[in-house]
Amino acid sequence: MNIPFTGGCACGAIRYECNAEPIVMFNCHCRDCQRISGGGFAPVVYVPLKAFRFTKGSLHYYGTPSLAGGP
């Protein structure tokens, strides 16, 4: 993996940079991730907080209910 790596949200409002290797990587198969990716899963990457920084935009959060009824 090339370090640093960059990315952002689908609409382009948020951009970020990370200068460390991921702690863990996996695929999420929840319905939200399936909708966003247009496939059966979305890749997820956990990185050290100190190595991560936003280069554009500010975050907004939202919640969706799970099939089990929780957030």
C-alpha atoms as a PDB file:
ATOM      1  CA  MET A   1       0.000   0.000   0.000  1.00  0.00           C
ATOM      2  CA  ASN A   2       1.303   3.445  -0.906  1.00  0.00           C
ATOM      3  CA  ILE A   3       1.630   5.758   2.103  1.00  0.00           C
ATOM      4  CA  PRO A   4       0.301   8.435   2.403  1.00  0.00           C
ATOM      5  CA  PHE A   5      -3.064   7.617   0.874  1.00  0.00           C
ATOM      6  CA  THR A   6      -5.989   9.943   0.253  1.00  0.00           C
ATOM      7  CA  GLY A   7      -9.719   9.612  -0.257  1.00  0.00           C
ATOM      8  CA  GLY A   8     -13.074  11.170   0.432  1.00  0.00           C
ATOM      9  CA  CYS A   9     -16.824  10.863   0.294  1.00  0.00           C
ATOM     10  CA  ALA A  10     -18.805  10.047  -2.830  1.00  0.00           C
ATOM     11  CA  CYS A  11     -20.022  13.636  -3.373  1.00  0.00           C
ATOM     12  CA  GLY A  12     -16.521  15.127  -2.990  1.00  0.00           C
ATOM     13  CA  ALA A  13     -17.379  17.430  -0.052  1.00  0.00           C
ATOM     14  CA  ILE A  14     -14.963  15.606   2.300  1.00  0.00           C
ATOM     15  CA  ARG A  15     -11.329  14.776   1.502  1.00  0.00           C
ATOM     16  CA  TYR A  16      -8.751  13.186   3.792  1.00  0.00           C
ATOM     17  CA  GLU A  17      -5.152  12.030   3.976  1.00  0.00           C
ATOM     18  CA  CYS A  18      -3.579   9.274   6.059  1.00  0.00           C
ATOM     19  CA  ASN A  19       0.161   8.804   6.563  1.00  0.00           C
ATOM     20  CA  ALA A  20       0.134   5.369   8.266  1.00  0.00           C
ATOM     21  CA  GLU A  21      -0.722   1.827   7.263  1.00  0.00           C
ATOM     22  CA  PRO A  22      -4.208   0.591   8.200  1.00  0.00           C
ATOM     23  CA  ILE A  23      -4.724  -1.184  11.511  1.00  0.00           C
ATOM     24  CA  VAL A  24      -7.360  -3.460   9.969  1.00  0.00           C
ATOM     25  CA  MET A  25      -9.299  -3.716   6.725  1.00  0.00           C
ATOM     26  CA  PHE A  26     -12.571  -5.577   6.078  1.00  0.00           C
ATOM     27  CA  ASN A  27     -15.737  -5.538   3.980  1.00  0.00           C
ATOM     28  CA  CYS A  28     -19.069  -4.390   5.439  1.00  0.00           C
ATOM     29  CA  HIS A  29     -22.172  -6.117   4.074  1.00  0.00           C
ATOM     30  CA  CYS A  30     -24.868  -3.955   5.749  1.00  0.00           C
ATOM     31  CA  ARG A  31     -27.689  -2.581   3.573  1.00  0.00           C
ATOM     32  CA  ASP A  32     -26.363   1.010   3.764  1.00  0.00           C
ATOM     33  CA  CYS A  33     -22.932  -0.051   2.516  1.00  0.00           C
ATOM     34  CA  GLN A  34     -24.527  -2.131  -0.238  1.00  0.00           C
ATOM     35  CA  ARG A  35     -26.570   0.868  -1.394  1.00  0.00           C
ATOM     36  CA  ILE A  36     -23.634   3.284  -1.293  1.00  0.00           C
ATOM     37  CA  SER A  37     -21.251   0.950  -3.109  1.00  0.00           C
ATOM     38  CA  GLY A  38     -23.788  -0.430  -5.591  1.00  0.00           C
ATOM     39  CA  GLY A  39     -22.518  -3.921  -4.765  1.00  0.00           C
ATOM     40  CA  GLY A  40     -22.603  -6.582  -2.097  1.00  0.00           C
ATOM     41  CA  PHE A  41     -20.226  -4.794   0.294  1.00  0.00           C
ATOM     42  CA  ALA A  42     -18.146  -1.682   0.944  1.00  0.00           C
ATOM     43  CA  PRO A  43     -14.493  -1.794   2.014  1.00  0.00           C
ATOM     44  CA  VAL A  44     -13.726  -0.398   5.490  1.00  0.00           C
ATOM     45  CA  VAL A  45     -10.284   0.719   6.693  1.00  0.00           C
ATOM     46  CA  TYR A  46      -9.349   1.541  10.309  1.00  0.00           C
ATOM     47  CA  VAL A  47      -6.311   3.804  10.680  1.00  0.00           C
ATOM     48  CA  PRO A  48      -4.531   5.419  13.650  1.00  0.00           C
ATOM     49  CA  LEU A  49      -6.296   8.682  14.552  1.00  0.00           C
ATOM     50  CA  LYS A  50      -3.034  10.635  14.818  1.00  0.00           C
ATOM     51  CA  ALA A  51      -2.138   9.664  11.244  1.00  0.00           C
ATOM     52  CA  PHE A  52      -5.476  10.842   9.808  1.00  0.00           C
ATOM     53  CA  ARG A  53      -6.446  14.381   8.841  1.00  0.00           C
ATOM     54  CA  PHE A  54      -9.190  16.086   6.852  1.00  0.00           C
ATOM     55  CA  THR A  55      -7.996  18.234   3.987  1.00  0.00           C
ATOM     56  CA  LYS A  56     -11.425  19.495   2.854  1.00  0.00           C
ATOM     57  CA  GLY A  57     -14.916  19.890   4.357  1.00  0.00           C
ATOM     58  CA  SER A  58     -16.472  19.153   7.726  1.00  0.00           C
ATOM     59  CA  LEU A  59     -18.242  16.041   8.940  1.00  0.00           C
ATOM     60  CA  HIS A  60     -21.964  15.532   9.421  1.00  0.00           C
ATOM     61  CA  TYR A  61     -23.354  12.394  11.029  1.00  0.00           C
ATOM     62  CA  TYR A  62     -26.579  10.528  10.560  1.00  0.00           C
ATOM     63  CA  GLY A  63     -27.962   7.293  11.956  1.00  0.00           C
ATOM     64  CA  THR A  64     -29.994   4.547  10.422  1.00  0.00           C
ATOM     65  CA  PRO A  65     -31.885   1.806  12.250  1.00  0.00           C
ATOM     66  CA  SER A  66     -30.542  -1.729  12.023  1.00  0.00           C
ATOM     67  CA  LEU A  67     -32.720  -4.709  11.168  1.00  0.00           C
ATOM     68  CA  ALA A  68     -32.521  -5.623  14.875  1.00  0.00           C
ATOM     69  CA  GLY A  69     -33.990  -2.224  15.799  1.00  0.00           C
ATOM     70  CA  GLY A  70     -30.849  -0.533  17.180  1.00  0.00           C
ATOM     71  CA  PRO A  71     -28.876   2.322  15.641  1.00  0.00           C
END
